[in-house]
Amino acid sequence: KATQKGLIAHYTTIAKSVDLPIIMYNVPSRTGCNILPETAVTLAKTVDNIVGIKEATGNISQAAKLMSLADGCIDMYSGNDDQIVPILSLGGKGVISVLSNVAPKKTHDIVAEYLAGNVEASRKLQLEAIELIDALFCEVNPIPVKHALNLMGMEVGPLRMPLSPMEDKNLETLKNALKNYGLLK
């Protein structure tokens, strides 16, 4: 598990070895390590091609602190589909999404409506998606999204080890959410 100093060294080394824009991925639930706001801002201010962060901590206070410190030096994207509108309200630029795999237009519309100033329409679309978002995370990602895509007729193939098929009750929850969202008959 890296320290903040280690994260700075790591991202700096990667960024300096490529001529591409880099969006950092802050998802402590998967990595066991949280990129603190101060660290993200330090990187964005000192490494030219670090341009953004996928904020997936689930901690709105941390996202707010990041944006208050950033002063425009870094773009923030929601990394949690259930927090698209809250992240946008803090100055976020969009979402890097799981939901968009099964509902790309509706996910796009949540962001587009918000950025066009139609906050109420965006909020409504966000809330309509909550049941499906919850179902897409009822087991470890990408298990539910792969099942959903296969159910929708987009053959993405079987899961590979160590991933395993969904529990029956969770699969039923996913099917119902897909039906309620208009993605399955």
Protein backbone atom coordinates (compact mmCIF):
# COMPACT_ATOMS: atom_id res chain seq x y z
CA LYS A 1 0.00 0.00 0.00
CA ALA A 2 1.53 3.28 -1.11
CA THR A 3 2.02 6.43 0.92
CA GLN A 4 1.00 9.78 -0.58
CA LYS A 5 4.69 10.42 -1.30
CA GLY A 6 4.84 7.06 -3.07
CA LEU A 7 1.75 7.91 -5.13
CA ILE A 8 3.35 11.18 -6.23
CA ALA A 9 6.51 9.35 -7.30
CA HIS A 10 4.52 6.63 -9.05
CA TYR A 11 2.22 8.93 -11.03
CA THR A 12 5.09 11.30 -11.86
CA THR A 13 7.16 8.43 -13.26
CA ILE A 14 4.26 7.13 -15.36
CA ALA A 15 3.28 10.59 -16.62
CA LYS A 16 6.81 11.50 -17.62
CA SER A 17 7.22 8.25 -19.57
CA VAL A 18 4.26 8.87 -21.91
CA ASP A 19 3.08 11.73 -24.07
CA LEU A 20 -0.58 11.26 -23.21
CA PRO A 21 -3.02 12.97 -20.86
CA ILE A 22 -3.50 10.99 -17.65
CA ILE A 23 -6.63 10.71 -15.55
CA MET A 24 -5.84 9.24 -12.15
CA TYR A 25 -8.23 6.62 -10.79
CA ASN A 26 -9.04 7.06 -7.10
CA VAL A 27 -10.92 3.95 -6.00
CA PRO A 28 -9.74 2.94 -2.52
CA SER A 29 -12.28 0.09 -2.36
CA ARG A 30 -10.29 -1.67 -5.09
CA THR A 31 -6.76 -0.42 -4.46
CA GLY A 32 -6.69 -0.09 -0.68
CA CYS A 33 -5.17 3.36 -1.16
CA ASN A 34 -6.82 6.79 -1.24
CA ILE A 35 -5.32 9.61 -3.33
CA LEU A 36 -5.86 12.55 -0.97
CA PRO A 37 -6.98 15.91 -2.41
CA GLU A 38 -3.65 17.51 -1.58
CA THR A 39 -1.81 14.75 -3.45
CA ALA A 40 -4.02 15.03 -6.53
CA VAL A 41 -3.55 18.81 -6.63
CA THR A 42 0.22 18.52 -6.16
CA LEU A 43 0.39 16.11 -9.09
CA ALA A 44 -1.85 18.23 -11.31
CA LYS A 45 0.19 21.35 -10.60
CA THR A 46 3.61 19.74 -11.08
CA VAL A 47 3.05 17.22 -13.89
CA ASP A 48 1.69 18.76 -17.09
CA ASN A 49 -0.07 15.71 -18.49
CA ILE A 50 -1.93 14.77 -15.31
CA VAL A 51 -5.22 16.36 -16.25
CA GLY A 52 -7.95 14.62 -14.28
CA ILE A 53 -9.10 12.26 -11.59
CA LYS A 54 -11.85 9.67 -11.49
CA GLU A 55 -13.18 10.27 -7.98
CA ALA A 56 -14.61 6.99 -6.71
CA THR A 57 -14.14 7.26 -2.96
CA GLY A 58 -17.85 7.81 -2.39
CA ASN A 59 -16.85 10.65 -0.07
CA ILE A 60 -18.53 13.87 -1.21
CA SER A 61 -16.63 15.87 1.43
CA GLN A 62 -13.34 14.68 -0.05
CA ALA A 63 -14.52 15.56 -3.56
CA ALA A 64 -15.53 19.03 -2.35
CA LYS A 65 -12.14 19.52 -0.71
CA LEU A 66 -10.39 18.46 -3.92
CA MET A 67 -12.31 21.01 -5.95
CA SER A 68 -11.74 23.75 -3.38
CA LEU A 69 -7.98 23.15 -3.48
CA ALA A 70 -7.73 22.54 -7.23
CA ASP A 71 -8.65 26.03 -8.43
CA GLY A 72 -9.16 24.66 -11.93
CA CYS A 73 -5.88 22.74 -12.21
CA ILE A 74 -7.54 19.31 -12.48
CA ASP A 75 -10.77 17.95 -13.95
CA MET A 76 -12.81 15.68 -11.70
CA TYR A 77 -15.05 12.90 -13.01
CA SER A 78 -17.48 10.89 -10.93
CA GLY A 79 -16.37 7.31 -10.54
CA ASN A 80 -19.64 6.32 -8.88
CA ASP A 81 -22.80 6.20 -10.98
CA ASP A 82 -24.97 7.06 -7.97
CA GLN A 83 -23.04 10.32 -7.47
CA ILE A 84 -22.99 11.82 -10.96
CA VAL A 85 -25.12 14.86 -10.10
CA PRO A 86 -23.44 15.53 -6.74
CA ILE A 87 -19.99 15.46 -8.38
CA LEU A 88 -21.18 17.71 -11.21
CA SER A 89 -22.55 20.15 -8.62
CA LEU A 90 -19.03 20.49 -7.20
CA GLY A 91 -17.58 21.33 -10.61
CA GLY A 92 -17.07 17.83 -11.96
CA LYS A 93 -16.82 17.41 -15.72
CA GLY A 94 -18.62 14.09 -16.18
CA VAL A 95 -18.55 10.42 -15.25
CA ILE A 96 -16.42 7.37 -15.95
CA SER A 97 -19.22 4.89 -15.62
CA VAL A 98 -20.37 1.29 -15.27
CA LEU A 99 -24.00 2.25 -15.98
CA SER A 100 -22.96 3.59 -19.39
CA ASN A 101 -22.14 0.05 -20.51
CA VAL A 102 -25.84 -0.86 -20.40
CA ALA A 103 -27.47 2.57 -20.76
CA PRO A 104 -25.04 4.84 -22.64
CA LYS A 105 -27.57 7.42 -23.84
CA LYS A 106 -29.28 7.82 -20.48
CA THR A 107 -25.92 8.10 -18.72
CA HIS A 108 -24.85 10.71 -21.26
CA ASP A 109 -28.12 12.58 -20.75
CA ILE A 110 -27.61 12.84 -16.97
CA VAL A 111 -24.38 14.73 -17.62
CA ALA A 112 -25.52 16.66 -20.70
CA GLU A 113 -28.67 17.96 -19.00
CA TYR A 114 -26.68 19.12 -15.99
CA LEU A 115 -24.02 20.84 -18.07
CA ALA A 116 -26.74 22.52 -20.16
CA GLY A 117 -28.16 24.05 -16.97
CA ASN A 118 -31.13 21.68 -16.72
CA VAL A 119 -30.29 20.58 -13.20
CA GLU A 120 -33.78 19.31 -12.37
CA ALA A 121 -33.90 17.13 -15.50
CA SER A 122 -30.45 15.77 -14.66
CA ARG A 123 -31.46 15.08 -11.06
CA LYS A 124 -34.59 13.25 -12.25
CA LEU A 125 -32.59 11.08 -14.66
CA GLN A 126 -30.05 10.30 -11.91
CA LEU A 127 -32.79 9.19 -9.53
CA GLU A 128 -34.52 7.08 -12.19
CA ALA A 129 -31.27 5.15 -12.61
CA ILE A 130 -30.67 4.40 -8.91
CA GLU A 131 -32.38 0.99 -8.83
CA LEU A 132 -30.34 -0.20 -11.82
CA ILE A 133 -27.13 1.34 -10.46
CA ASP A 134 -27.64 -0.53 -7.19
CA ALA A 135 -28.29 -3.78 -9.07
CA LEU A 136 -25.13 -3.31 -11.15
CA PHE A 137 -23.18 -3.30 -7.88
CA CYS A 138 -25.06 -6.02 -5.97
CA GLU A 139 -21.98 -8.18 -6.55
CA VAL A 140 -18.38 -7.35 -7.43
CA ASN A 141 -17.97 -5.41 -10.67
CA PRO A 142 -17.85 -6.55 -13.50
CA ILE A 143 -20.00 -9.61 -12.64
CA PRO A 144 -23.42 -7.86 -12.82
CA VAL A 145 -22.62 -5.68 -15.85
CA LYS A 146 -21.42 -8.70 -17.86
CA HIS A 147 -24.60 -10.58 -16.91
CA ALA A 148 -26.69 -7.53 -17.85
CA LEU A 149 -25.06 -7.17 -21.26
CA ASN A 150 -25.52 -10.88 -21.99
CA LEU A 151 -29.19 -10.66 -20.91
CA MET A 152 -29.64 -7.66 -23.23
CA GLY A 153 -28.35 -9.70 -26.17
CA MET A 154 -24.90 -8.17 -26.35
CA GLU A 155 -22.83 -11.32 -26.09
CA VAL A 156 -19.79 -10.37 -24.03
CA GLY A 157 -18.98 -13.93 -23.09
CA PRO A 158 -18.65 -15.77 -19.82
CA LEU A 159 -16.93 -14.60 -16.69
CA ARG A 160 -13.34 -15.63 -16.18
CA MET A 161 -11.90 -16.88 -12.92
CA PRO A 162 -11.78 -15.82 -10.19
CA LEU A 163 -15.15 -14.22 -11.01
CA SER A 164 -18.14 -16.51 -10.55
CA PRO A 165 -21.78 -16.47 -11.70
CA MET A 166 -24.21 -14.28 -9.79
CA GLU A 167 -26.23 -15.62 -6.90
CA ASP A 168 -29.79 -16.42 -8.06
CA LYS A 169 -31.41 -13.75 -5.88
CA ASN A 170 -29.00 -11.08 -7.15
CA LEU A 171 -29.55 -12.15 -10.76
CA GLU A 172 -33.30 -11.76 -10.23
CA THR A 173 -32.71 -8.29 -8.73
CA LEU A 174 -30.64 -7.35 -11.78
CA LYS A 175 -33.26 -8.65 -14.24
CA ASN A 176 -36.02 -6.71 -12.47
CA ALA A 177 -33.95 -3.52 -12.46
CA LEU A 178 -33.18 -3.90 -16.18
CA LYS A 179 -36.92 -4.40 -16.87
CA ASN A 180 -37.92 -1.42 -14.73
CA TYR A 181 -35.39 0.76 -16.56
CA GLY A 182 -36.76 -0.37 -19.93
CA LEU A 183 -33.72 -2.38 -20.99
CA LEU A 184 -35.35 -5.84 -20.87
CA LYS A 185 -38.85 -7.02 -21.69
